[in-house]
Amino acid sequence: MQFIDNISVCVDCLMYIANGVIEEDFDNRVESIEEEYKKLKGKGQEVFLDYSEDHADGFSWYPCGHCGSSLGGDRFKANIYQL
């Protein structure tokens, strides 16, 4: 496995990466998140959450590094690896 990049993900992506599901579907975000995940898998890549002590990036208006959502909210660290 080879490290590719650090990204900052929204809460919805955090839940999807951690659990494979999102409890509620706001504005069809589940489809968007699943599509981005499939694109990564198609490139032979995987995204893993960063479980270090400083895993939270805090509130941000910057787009999510996984799904691209520009909704404001908490962001969390994740890493992309080539499998």
PDB file of N, CA and C in Angstrom:
ATOM      1  N   MET A   1       0.840  -1.169   0.000  1.00  0.00           N
ATOM      2  CA  MET A   1       0.000   0.000   0.000  1.00  0.00           C
ATOM      3  C   MET A   1       0.892   1.240   0.000  1.00  0.00           C
ATOM      4  N   GLN A   2       0.555   2.196  -0.856  1.00  0.00           N
ATOM      5  CA  GLN A   2       1.344   3.415  -0.980  1.00  0.00           C
ATOM      6  C   GLN A   2       0.478   4.631  -0.659  1.00  0.00           C
ATOM      7  N   PHE A   3       0.993   5.503   0.204  1.00  0.00           N
ATOM      8  CA  PHE A   3       0.293   6.726   0.576  1.00  0.00           C
ATOM      9  C   PHE A   3       0.178   7.647  -0.637  1.00  0.00           C
ATOM     10  N   ILE A   4      -1.033   8.226  -0.847  1.00  0.00           N
ATOM     11  CA  ILE A   4      -1.271   9.151  -1.957  1.00  0.00           C
ATOM     12  C   ILE A   4      -1.473  10.580  -1.460  1.00  0.00           C
ATOM     13  N   ASP A   5      -2.415  10.782  -0.502  1.00  0.00           N
ATOM     14  CA  ASP A   5      -2.771  12.142  -0.117  1.00  0.00           C
ATOM     15  C   ASP A   5      -3.518  12.177   1.213  1.00  0.00           C
ATOM     16  N   ASN A   6      -3.418  13.320   1.898  1.00  0.00           N
ATOM     17  CA  ASN A   6      -4.256  13.622   3.066  1.00  0.00           C
ATOM     18  C   ASN A   6      -5.438  14.430   2.570  1.00  0.00           C
ATOM     19  N   ILE A   7      -6.629  14.132   3.070  1.00  0.00           N
ATOM     20  CA  ILE A   7      -7.803  14.926   2.727  1.00  0.00           C
ATOM     21  C   ILE A   7      -8.576  15.246   4.001  1.00  0.00           C
ATOM     22  N   SER A   8      -9.477  16.191   3.888  1.00  0.00           N
ATOM     23  CA  SER A   8     -10.336  16.593   4.993  1.00  0.00           C
ATOM     24  C   SER A   8     -11.771  16.307   4.556  1.00  0.00           C
ATOM     25  N   VAL A   9     -12.487  15.432   5.283  1.00  0.00           N
ATOM     26  CA  VAL A   9     -13.811  14.975   4.857  1.00  0.00           C
ATOM     27  C   VAL A   9     -14.923  15.506   5.756  1.00  0.00           C
ATOM     28  N   CYS A  10     -16.125  15.642   5.155  1.00  0.00           N
ATOM     29  CA  CYS A  10     -17.301  16.099   5.900  1.00  0.00           C
ATOM     30  C   CYS A  10     -17.839  14.970   6.779  1.00  0.00           C
ATOM     31  N   VAL A  11     -18.788  15.304   7.627  1.00  0.00           N
ATOM     32  CA  VAL A  11     -19.373  14.321   8.551  1.00  0.00           C
ATOM     33  C   VAL A  11     -20.061  13.192   7.785  1.00  0.00           C
ATOM     34  N   ASP A  12     -20.769  13.515   6.691  1.00  0.00           N
ATOM     35  CA  ASP A  12     -21.441  12.467   5.917  1.00  0.00           C
ATOM     36  C   ASP A  12     -20.436  11.470   5.347  1.00  0.00           C
ATOM     37  N   CYS A  13     -19.342  11.970   4.790  1.00  0.00           N
ATOM     38  CA  CYS A  13     -18.305  11.078   4.262  1.00  0.00           C
ATOM     39  C   CYS A  13     -17.648  10.284   5.385  1.00  0.00           C
ATOM     40  N   LEU A  14     -17.436  10.929   6.514  1.00  0.00           N
ATOM     41  CA  LEU A  14     -16.881  10.243   7.682  1.00  0.00           C
ATOM     42  C   LEU A  14     -17.738   9.028   8.023  1.00  0.00           C
ATOM     43  N   MET A  15     -19.051   9.222   8.089  1.00  0.00           N
ATOM     44  CA  MET A  15     -19.964   8.124   8.419  1.00  0.00           C
ATOM     45  C   MET A  15     -19.943   7.034   7.349  1.00  0.00           C
ATOM     46  N   TYR A  16     -19.890   7.453   6.085  1.00  0.00           N
ATOM     47  CA  TYR A  16     -19.868   6.467   5.006  1.00  0.00           C
ATOM     48  C   TYR A  16     -18.565   5.669   5.017  1.00  0.00           C
ATOM     49  N   ILE A  17     -17.452   6.342   5.184  1.00  0.00           N
ATOM     50  CA  ILE A  17     -16.157   5.652   5.203  1.00  0.00           C
ATOM     51  C   ILE A  17     -16.073   4.706   6.395  1.00  0.00           C
ATOM     52  N   ALA A  18     -16.549   5.153   7.547  1.00  0.00           N
ATOM     53  CA  ALA A  18     -16.466   4.340   8.766  1.00  0.00           C
ATOM     54  C   ALA A  18     -17.450   3.176   8.762  1.00  0.00           C
ATOM     55  N   ASN A  19     -18.689   3.414   8.278  1.00  0.00           N
ATOM     56  CA  ASN A  19     -19.756   2.429   8.440  1.00  0.00           C
ATOM     57  C   ASN A  19     -20.333   1.880   7.141  1.00  0.00           C
ATOM     58  N   GLY A  20     -20.029   2.524   6.021  1.00  0.00           N
ATOM     59  CA  GLY A  20     -20.583   2.091   4.755  1.00  0.00           C
ATOM     60  C   GLY A  20     -22.019   2.550   4.516  1.00  0.00           C
ATOM     61  N   VAL A  21     -22.565   3.312   5.442  1.00  0.00           N
ATOM     62  CA  VAL A  21     -23.930   3.832   5.326  1.00  0.00           C
ATOM     63  C   VAL A  21     -24.001   5.213   5.954  1.00  0.00           C
ATOM     64  N   ILE A  22     -25.049   5.950   5.564  1.00  0.00           N
ATOM     65  CA  ILE A  22     -25.354   7.227   6.202  1.00  0.00           C
ATOM     66  C   ILE A  22     -26.788   7.119   6.698  1.00  0.00           C
ATOM     67  N   GLU A  23     -27.027   7.493   7.930  1.00  0.00           N
ATOM     68  CA  GLU A  23     -28.353   7.358   8.533  1.00  0.00           C
ATOM     69  C   GLU A  23     -29.430   8.085   7.753  1.00  0.00           C
ATOM     70  N   GLU A  24     -29.215   9.348   7.414  1.00  0.00           N
ATOM     71  CA  GLU A  24     -30.214  10.152   6.729  1.00  0.00           C
ATOM     72  C   GLU A  24     -29.645  10.637   5.409  1.00  0.00           C
ATOM     73  N   ASP A  25     -30.501  10.729   4.411  1.00  0.00           N
ATOM     74  CA  ASP A  25     -30.069  11.184   3.087  1.00  0.00           C
ATOM     75  C   ASP A  25     -30.554  12.611   2.864  1.00  0.00           C
ATOM     76  N   PHE A  26     -29.664  13.580   3.060  1.00  0.00           N
ATOM     77  CA  PHE A  26     -29.987  14.974   2.829  1.00  0.00           C
ATOM     78  C   PHE A  26     -29.613  15.346   1.404  1.00  0.00           C
ATOM     79  N   ASP A  27     -30.592  15.760   0.600  1.00  0.00           N
ATOM     80  CA  ASP A  27     -30.351  16.227  -0.766  1.00  0.00           C
ATOM     81  C   ASP A  27     -29.622  15.199  -1.635  1.00  0.00           C
ATOM     82  N   ASN A  28     -29.960  13.936  -1.475  1.00  0.00           N
ATOM     83  CA  ASN A  28     -29.369  12.849  -2.281  1.00  0.00           C
ATOM     84  C   ASN A  28     -27.853  12.785  -2.155  1.00  0.00           C
ATOM     85  N   ARG A  29     -27.334  13.144  -1.020  1.00  0.00           N
ATOM     86  CA  ARG A  29     -25.876  13.131  -0.821  1.00  0.00           C
ATOM     87  C   ARG A  29     -25.308  11.719  -0.821  1.00  0.00           C
ATOM     88  N   VAL A  30     -26.093  10.739  -0.439  1.00  0.00           N
ATOM     89  CA  VAL A  30     -25.593   9.363  -0.395  1.00  0.00           C
ATOM     90  C   VAL A  30     -25.111   8.936  -1.782  1.00  0.00           C
ATOM     91  N   GLU A  31     -25.896   9.230  -2.806  1.00  0.00           N
ATOM     92  CA  GLU A  31     -25.508   8.858  -4.168  1.00  0.00           C
ATOM     93  C   GLU A  31     -24.190   9.512  -4.568  1.00  0.00           C
ATOM     94  N   SER A  32     -24.041  10.781  -4.251  1.00  0.00           N
ATOM     95  CA  SER A  32     -22.818  11.509  -4.574  1.00  0.00           C
ATOM     96  C   SER A  32     -21.608  10.902  -3.859  1.00  0.00           C
ATOM     97  N   ILE A  33     -21.772  10.601  -2.594  1.00  0.00           N
ATOM     98  CA  ILE A  33     -20.681  10.031  -1.806  1.00  0.00           C
ATOM     99  C   ILE A  33     -20.324   8.635  -2.318  1.00  0.00           C
ATOM    100  N   GLU A  34     -21.328   7.822  -2.624  1.00  0.00           N
ATOM    101  CA  GLU A  34     -21.074   6.478  -3.145  1.00  0.00           C
ATOM    102  C   GLU A  34     -20.354   6.539  -4.490  1.00  0.00           C
ATOM    103  N   GLU A  35     -20.739   7.483  -5.350  1.00  0.00           N
ATOM    104  CA  GLU A  35     -20.081   7.639  -6.651  1.00  0.00           C
ATOM    105  C   GLU A  35     -18.593   7.959  -6.487  1.00  0.00           C
ATOM    106  N   GLU A  36     -18.286   8.891  -5.593  1.00  0.00           N
ATOM    107  CA  GLU A  36     -16.886   9.263  -5.365  1.00  0.00           C
ATOM    108  C   GLU A  36     -16.097   8.074  -4.809  1.00  0.00           C
ATOM    109  N   TYR A  37     -16.726   7.310  -3.936  1.00  0.00           N
ATOM    110  CA  TYR A  37     -16.065   6.139  -3.365  1.00  0.00           C
ATOM    111  C   TYR A  37     -15.779   5.108  -4.462  1.00  0.00           C
ATOM    112  N   LYS A  38     -16.740   4.905  -5.367  1.00  0.00           N
ATOM    113  CA  LYS A  38     -16.548   3.955  -6.468  1.00  0.00           C
ATOM    114  C   LYS A  38     -15.442   4.417  -7.411  1.00  0.00           C
ATOM    115  N   LYS A  39     -15.329   5.735  -7.634  1.00  0.00           N
ATOM    116  CA  LYS A  39     -14.246   6.268  -8.475  1.00  0.00           C
ATOM    117  C   LYS A  39     -12.882   5.932  -7.878  1.00  0.00           C
ATOM    118  N   LEU A  40     -12.759   6.121  -6.560  1.00  0.00           N
ATOM    119  CA  LEU A  40     -11.498   5.779  -5.888  1.00  0.00           C
ATOM    120  C   LEU A  40     -11.183   4.300  -6.045  1.00  0.00           C
ATOM    121  N   LYS A  41     -12.194   3.463  -5.775  1.00  0.00           N
ATOM    122  CA  LYS A  41     -11.995   2.017  -5.870  1.00  0.00           C
ATOM    123  C   LYS A  41     -11.600   1.616  -7.291  1.00  0.00           C
ATOM    124  N   GLY A  42     -12.191   2.293  -8.294  1.00  0.00           N
ATOM    125  CA  GLY A  42     -11.878   2.014  -9.692  1.00  0.00           C
ATOM    126  C   GLY A  42     -10.432   2.317 -10.046  1.00  0.00           C
ATOM    127  N   LYS A  43      -9.825   3.253  -9.319  1.00  0.00           N
ATOM    128  CA  LYS A  43      -8.412   3.591  -9.523  1.00  0.00           C
ATOM    129  C   LYS A  43      -7.494   2.714  -8.680  1.00  0.00           C
ATOM    130  N   GLY A  44      -8.093   1.770  -7.930  1.00  0.00           N
ATOM    131  CA  GLY A  44      -7.292   0.927  -7.047  1.00  0.00           C
ATOM    132  C   GLY A  44      -6.870   1.648  -5.780  1.00  0.00           C
ATOM    133  N   GLN A  45      -7.662   2.634  -5.365  1.00  0.00           N
ATOM    134  CA  GLN A  45      -7.343   3.414  -4.172  1.00  0.00           C
ATOM    135  C   GLN A  45      -8.380   3.175  -3.074  1.00  0.00           C
ATOM    136  N   GLU A  46      -7.985   3.492  -1.873  1.00  0.00           N
ATOM    137  CA  GLU A  46      -8.864   3.341  -0.709  1.00  0.00           C
ATOM    138  C   GLU A  46      -8.668   4.537   0.199  1.00  0.00           C
ATOM    139  N   VAL A  47      -9.733   4.956   0.861  1.00  0.00           N
ATOM    140  CA  VAL A  47      -9.651   6.063   1.814  1.00  0.00           C
ATOM    141  C   VAL A  47      -9.835   5.500   3.221  1.00  0.00           C
ATOM    142  N   PHE A  48      -8.968   5.932   4.119  1.00  0.00           N
ATOM    143  CA  PHE A  48      -9.009   5.496   5.513  1.00  0.00           C
ATOM    144  C   PHE A  48      -9.092   6.720   6.421  1.00  0.00           C
ATOM    145  N   LEU A  49      -9.873   6.614   7.459  1.00  0.00           N
ATOM    146  CA  LEU A  49      -9.966   7.698   8.431  1.00  0.00           C
ATOM    147  C   LEU A  49      -8.690   7.761   9.248  1.00  0.00           C
ATOM    148  N   ASP A  50      -8.332   8.954   9.668  1.00  0.00           N
ATOM    149  CA  ASP A  50      -7.156   9.185  10.507  1.00  0.00           C
ATOM    150  C   ASP A  50      -7.613   9.128  11.959  1.00  0.00           C
ATOM    151  N   TYR A  51      -7.174   8.125  12.672  1.00  0.00           N
ATOM    152  CA  TYR A  51      -7.601   7.947  14.067  1.00  0.00           C
ATOM    153  C   TYR A  51      -6.591   8.510  15.063  1.00  0.00           C
ATOM    154  N   SER A  52      -5.728   9.399  14.596  1.00  0.00           N
ATOM    155  CA  SER A  52      -4.758  10.007  15.506  1.00  0.00           C
ATOM    156  C   SER A  52      -5.484  10.919  16.494  1.00  0.00           C
ATOM    157  N   GLU A  53      -4.766  11.362  17.493  1.00  0.00           N
ATOM    158  CA  GLU A  53      -5.345  12.183  18.547  1.00  0.00           C
ATOM    159  C   GLU A  53      -5.948  13.483  18.012  1.00  0.00           C
ATOM    160  N   ASP A  54      -5.342  14.048  16.983  1.00  0.00           N
ATOM    161  CA  ASP A  54      -5.844  15.314  16.412  1.00  0.00           C
ATOM    162  C   ASP A  54      -6.564  15.055  15.078  1.00  0.00           C
ATOM    163  N   HIS A  55      -7.510  14.120  15.085  1.00  0.00           N
ATOM    164  CA  HIS A  55      -8.206  13.684  13.871  1.00  0.00           C
ATOM    165  C   HIS A  55      -9.213  14.697  13.333  1.00  0.00           C
ATOM    166  N   ALA A  56      -9.649  15.645  14.149  1.00  0.00           N
ATOM    167  CA  ALA A  56     -10.641  16.623  13.699  1.00  0.00           C
ATOM    168  C   ALA A  56      -9.950  17.876  13.165  1.00  0.00           C
ATOM    169  N   ASP A  57     -10.418  18.360  12.027  1.00  0.00           N
ATOM    170  CA  ASP A  57      -9.894  19.592  11.446  1.00  0.00           C
ATOM    171  C   ASP A  57     -10.712  20.807  11.851  1.00  0.00           C
ATOM    172  N   GLY A  58     -11.879  20.592  12.479  1.00  0.00           N
ATOM    173  CA  GLY A  58     -12.723  21.692  12.921  1.00  0.00           C
ATOM    174  C   GLY A  58     -13.700  22.136  11.848  1.00  0.00           C
ATOM    175  N   PHE A  59     -14.402  23.223  12.124  1.00  0.00           N
ATOM    176  CA  PHE A  59     -15.409  23.745  11.201  1.00  0.00           C
ATOM    177  C   PHE A  59     -14.744  24.373   9.986  1.00  0.00           C
ATOM    178  N   SER A  60     -15.357  24.144   8.818  1.00  0.00           N
ATOM    179  CA  SER A  60     -14.785  24.697   7.596  1.00  0.00           C
ATOM    180  C   SER A  60     -15.860  24.921   6.544  1.00  0.00           C
ATOM    181  N   TRP A  61     -15.625  25.917   5.695  1.00  0.00           N
ATOM    182  CA  TRP A  61     -16.453  26.145   4.512  1.00  0.00           C
ATOM    183  C   TRP A  61     -15.765  25.586   3.271  1.00  0.00           C
ATOM    184  N   TYR A  62     -14.537  25.072   3.418  1.00  0.00           N
ATOM    185  CA  TYR A  62     -13.837  24.479   2.278  1.00  0.00           C
ATOM    186  C   TYR A  62     -14.545  23.206   1.848  1.00  0.00           C
ATOM    187  N   PRO A  63     -14.523  22.897   0.559  1.00  0.00           N
ATOM    188  CA  PRO A  63     -15.185  21.680   0.076  1.00  0.00           C
ATOM    189  C   PRO A  63     -14.595  20.418   0.712  1.00  0.00           C
ATOM    190  N   CYS A  64     -15.445  19.439   0.886  1.00  0.00           N
ATOM    191  CA  CYS A  64     -15.014  18.136   1.390  1.00  0.00           C
ATOM    192  C   CYS A  64     -14.026  17.539   0.396  1.00  0.00           C
ATOM    193  N   GLY A  65     -12.954  16.973   0.902  1.00  0.00           N
ATOM    194  CA  GLY A  65     -11.936  16.376   0.044  1.00  0.00           C
ATOM    195  C   GLY A  65     -12.371  15.076  -0.604  1.00  0.00           C
ATOM    196  N   HIS A  66     -13.508  14.532  -0.188  1.00  0.00           N
ATOM    197  CA  HIS A  66     -13.991  13.271  -0.770  1.00  0.00           C
ATOM    198  C   HIS A  66     -15.160  13.506  -1.730  1.00  0.00           C
ATOM    199  N   CYS A  67     -16.238  14.114  -1.246  1.00  0.00           N
ATOM    200  CA  CYS A  67     -17.434  14.285  -2.093  1.00  0.00           C
ATOM    201  C   CYS A  67     -17.516  15.653  -2.743  1.00  0.00           C
ATOM    202  N   GLY A  68     -16.708  16.612  -2.279  1.00  0.00           N
ATOM    203  CA  GLY A  68     -16.696  17.941  -2.874  1.00  0.00           C
ATOM    204  C   GLY A  68     -17.761  18.888  -2.357  1.00  0.00           C
ATOM    205  N   SER A  69     -18.565  18.453  -1.387  1.00  0.00           N
ATOM    206  CA  SER A  69     -19.624  19.308  -0.850  1.00  0.00           C
ATOM    207  C   SER A  69     -19.025  20.573  -0.245  1.00  0.00           C
ATOM    208  N   SER A  70     -19.639  21.712  -0.567  1.00  0.00           N
ATOM    209  CA  SER A  70     -19.165  22.982  -0.009  1.00  0.00           C
ATOM    210  C   SER A  70     -20.031  23.439   1.165  1.00  0.00           C
ATOM    211  N   LEU A  71     -20.903  22.554   1.654  1.00  0.00           N
ATOM    212  CA  LEU A  71     -21.688  22.885   2.838  1.00  0.00           C
ATOM    213  C   LEU A  71     -20.747  23.064   4.026  1.00  0.00           C
ATOM    214  N   GLY A  72     -20.979  24.064   4.829  1.00  0.00           N
ATOM    215  CA  GLY A  72     -20.151  24.285   6.006  1.00  0.00           C
ATOM    216  C   GLY A  72     -20.391  23.197   7.044  1.00  0.00           C
ATOM    217  N   GLY A  73     -19.353  22.869   7.781  1.00  0.00           N
ATOM    218  CA  GLY A  73     -19.480  21.858   8.831  1.00  0.00           C
ATOM    219  C   GLY A  73     -18.129  21.382   9.304  1.00  0.00           C
ATOM    220  N   ASP A  74     -18.165  20.450  10.234  1.00  0.00           N
ATOM    221  CA  ASP A  74     -16.934  19.873  10.752  1.00  0.00           C
ATOM    222  C   ASP A  74     -16.257  19.038   9.680  1.00  0.00           C
ATOM    223  N   ARG A  75     -14.944  19.043   9.701  1.00  0.00           N
ATOM    224  CA  ARG A  75     -14.141  18.241   8.788  1.00  0.00           C
ATOM    225  C   ARG A  75     -13.217  17.354   9.618  1.00  0.00           C
ATOM    226  N   PHE A  76     -12.936  16.177   9.058  1.00  0.00           N
ATOM    227  CA  PHE A  76     -12.111  15.197   9.747  1.00  0.00           C
ATOM    228  C   PHE A  76     -11.038  14.689   8.799  1.00  0.00           C
ATOM    229  N   LYS A  77      -9.887  14.357   9.351  1.00  0.00           N
ATOM    230  CA  LYS A  77      -8.752  13.926   8.539  1.00  0.00           C
ATOM    231  C   LYS A  77      -8.947  12.504   8.028  1.00  0.00           C
ATOM    232  N   ALA A  78      -8.535  12.316   6.782  1.00  0.00           N
ATOM    233  CA  ALA A  78      -8.545  10.985   6.163  1.00  0.00           C
ATOM    234  C   ALA A  78      -7.339  10.898   5.236  1.00  0.00           C
ATOM    235  N   ASN A  79      -6.986   9.697   4.859  1.00  0.00           N
ATOM    236  CA  ASN A  79      -5.822   9.461   4.015  1.00  0.00           C
ATOM    237  C   ASN A  79      -6.219   8.558   2.844  1.00  0.00           C
ATOM    238  N   ILE A  80      -5.674   8.848   1.686  1.00  0.00           N
ATOM    239  CA  ILE A  80      -5.902   8.011   0.512  1.00  0.00           C
ATOM    240  C   ILE A  80      -4.636   7.212   0.238  1.00  0.00           C
ATOM    241  N   TYR A  81      -4.834   5.923  -0.028  1.00  0.00           N
ATOM    242  CA  TYR A  81      -3.741   5.010  -0.332  1.00  0.00           C
ATOM    243  C   TYR A  81      -4.002   4.281  -1.634  1.00  0.00           C
ATOM    244  N   GLN A  82      -2.930   4.015  -2.376  1.00  0.00           N
ATOM    245  CA  GLN A  82      -3.002   3.151  -3.549  1.00  0.00           C
ATOM    246  C   GLN A  82      -2.813   1.732  -3.055  1.00  0.00           C
ATOM    247  N   LEU A  83      -3.737   0.862  -3.401  1.00  0.00           N
ATOM    248  CA  LEU A  83      -3.652  -0.526  -2.933  1.00  0.00           C
ATOM    249  C   LEU A  83      -2.774  -1.364  -3.821  1.00  0.00           C
TER     250      LEU A  83
END
